[in-house]
């Protein structure tokens, strides 16, 4: 997995400790445990969690990462359709709007 620098790039001067934890712990230590879950599986879990919580600001970046990790347009469509019955129709609509931009 490519070294993550988004925390430092976006929040480094404002919230340096948070940025460090984001880049080094979350993406450095947790996401790198590919022997436990593949990057594709981690992306699917993360995307589902973001949609469920309504955290659409982070969704685009994670959809792009998921695409790089092997999630296809058909898979993301199926994921969101499945989630719609568990997390709510409006969240699914919002997620589809973001996913369309990323996967087109």
Protein backbone atom coordinates (compact mmCIF):
# COMPACT_ATOMS: atom_id res chain seq x y z
CA UNK A 1 0.00 0.00 0.00
CA UNK A 2 1.18 3.50 -0.87
CA UNK A 3 2.27 5.59 2.15
CA UNK A 4 -0.57 7.86 3.21
CA UNK A 5 0.15 11.54 3.67
CA UNK A 6 -3.36 13.00 3.52
CA UNK A 7 -3.39 13.81 7.22
CA UNK A 8 -0.17 15.75 7.11
CA UNK A 9 -1.03 17.31 3.74
CA UNK A 10 -4.43 18.59 4.92
CA UNK A 11 -4.10 19.04 8.68
CA UNK A 12 -0.38 18.88 9.43
CA UNK A 13 0.08 22.42 10.67
CA UNK A 14 -3.36 22.75 12.24
CA UNK A 15 -3.65 19.36 13.97
CA UNK A 16 -0.26 17.72 13.77
CA UNK A 17 -0.93 14.87 16.22
CA UNK A 18 -4.23 13.95 14.54
CA UNK A 19 -2.47 14.03 11.15
CA UNK A 20 0.31 11.80 12.47
CA UNK A 21 -2.17 9.26 13.88
CA UNK A 22 -4.17 9.29 10.64
CA UNK A 23 -1.15 8.66 8.44
CA UNK A 24 1.01 6.45 10.66
CA UNK A 25 -1.48 4.50 12.77
CA UNK A 26 -4.72 4.26 10.80
CA UNK A 27 -3.19 3.98 7.34
CA UNK A 28 0.30 2.86 8.36
CA UNK A 29 -0.47 0.16 10.93
CA UNK A 30 -4.13 -0.78 10.52
CA UNK A 31 -4.56 -0.67 6.74
CA UNK A 32 -1.23 -2.47 6.25
CA UNK A 33 -2.48 -5.65 7.97
CA UNK A 34 -3.21 -7.28 4.62
CA UNK A 35 -2.66 -10.78 5.99
CA UNK A 36 -5.84 -10.28 8.06
CA UNK A 37 -8.02 -8.43 5.52
CA UNK A 38 -7.17 -7.45 1.96
CA UNK A 39 -7.10 -3.79 0.94
CA UNK A 40 -10.23 -4.43 -1.12
CA UNK A 41 -12.05 -5.85 1.91
CA UNK A 42 -10.91 -2.95 4.09
CA UNK A 43 -12.15 -0.50 1.45
CA UNK A 44 -15.53 -2.24 1.26
CA UNK A 45 -15.89 -2.09 5.06
CA UNK A 46 -14.79 1.53 5.23
CA UNK A 47 -17.06 2.66 2.40
CA UNK A 48 -20.00 0.85 3.98
CA UNK A 49 -19.27 2.45 7.34
CA UNK A 50 -19.03 5.93 5.85
CA UNK A 51 -22.34 5.50 4.05
CA UNK A 52 -24.03 4.09 7.15
CA UNK A 53 -22.87 7.03 9.25
CA UNK A 54 -23.70 9.59 6.55
CA UNK A 55 -20.06 10.74 6.34
CA UNK A 56 -20.18 11.74 2.69
CA UNK A 57 -17.33 14.26 2.91
CA UNK A 58 -14.84 11.39 3.20
CA UNK A 59 -16.71 9.07 0.81
CA UNK A 60 -15.22 10.33 -2.47
CA UNK A 61 -11.63 9.77 -1.30
CA UNK A 62 -12.45 6.29 -0.04
CA UNK A 63 -14.33 5.37 -3.21
CA UNK A 64 -11.25 6.35 -5.22
CA UNK A 65 -9.07 4.31 -2.88
CA UNK A 66 -11.53 1.41 -3.17
CA UNK A 67 -11.37 1.61 -6.94
CA UNK A 68 -7.54 1.45 -6.72
CA UNK A 69 -7.95 -1.53 -4.38
CA UNK A 70 -10.02 -3.43 -6.94
CA UNK A 71 -13.65 -2.52 -6.25
CA UNK A 72 -15.56 -2.40 -9.54
CA UNK A 73 -18.45 -0.19 -10.56
CA UNK A 74 -20.77 -3.22 -10.39
CA UNK A 75 -19.56 -4.09 -6.91
CA UNK A 76 -20.03 -0.56 -5.57
CA UNK A 77 -23.50 -0.44 -7.09
CA UNK A 78 -24.39 -3.73 -5.42
CA UNK A 79 -22.90 -2.61 -2.11
CA UNK A 80 -24.93 0.61 -2.05
CA UNK A 81 -28.12 -1.17 -3.17
CA UNK A 82 -27.69 -3.72 -0.38
CA UNK A 83 -26.91 -1.01 2.18
CA UNK A 84 -29.97 1.02 1.23
CA UNK A 85 -32.23 -1.38 3.10
CA UNK A 86 -30.09 -1.25 6.26
CA UNK A 87 -28.94 2.37 6.45
CA UNK A 88 -31.70 4.24 4.63
CA UNK A 89 -32.78 5.17 1.15
CA UNK A 90 -31.61 8.82 1.34
CA UNK A 91 -28.09 7.76 2.34
CA UNK A 92 -28.03 5.35 -0.59
CA UNK A 93 -29.10 8.11 -2.99
CA UNK A 94 -26.37 10.38 -1.64
CA UNK A 95 -23.79 7.60 -1.91
CA UNK A 96 -24.82 6.81 -5.48
CA UNK A 97 -24.38 10.47 -6.43
CA UNK A 98 -20.80 10.41 -5.15
CA UNK A 99 -20.06 6.96 -6.61
CA UNK A 100 -21.30 7.99 -10.06
CA UNK A 101 -18.73 10.81 -10.14
CA UNK A 102 -15.89 8.51 -9.11
CA UNK A 103 -16.72 5.48 -11.27
CA UNK A 104 -17.66 7.26 -14.51
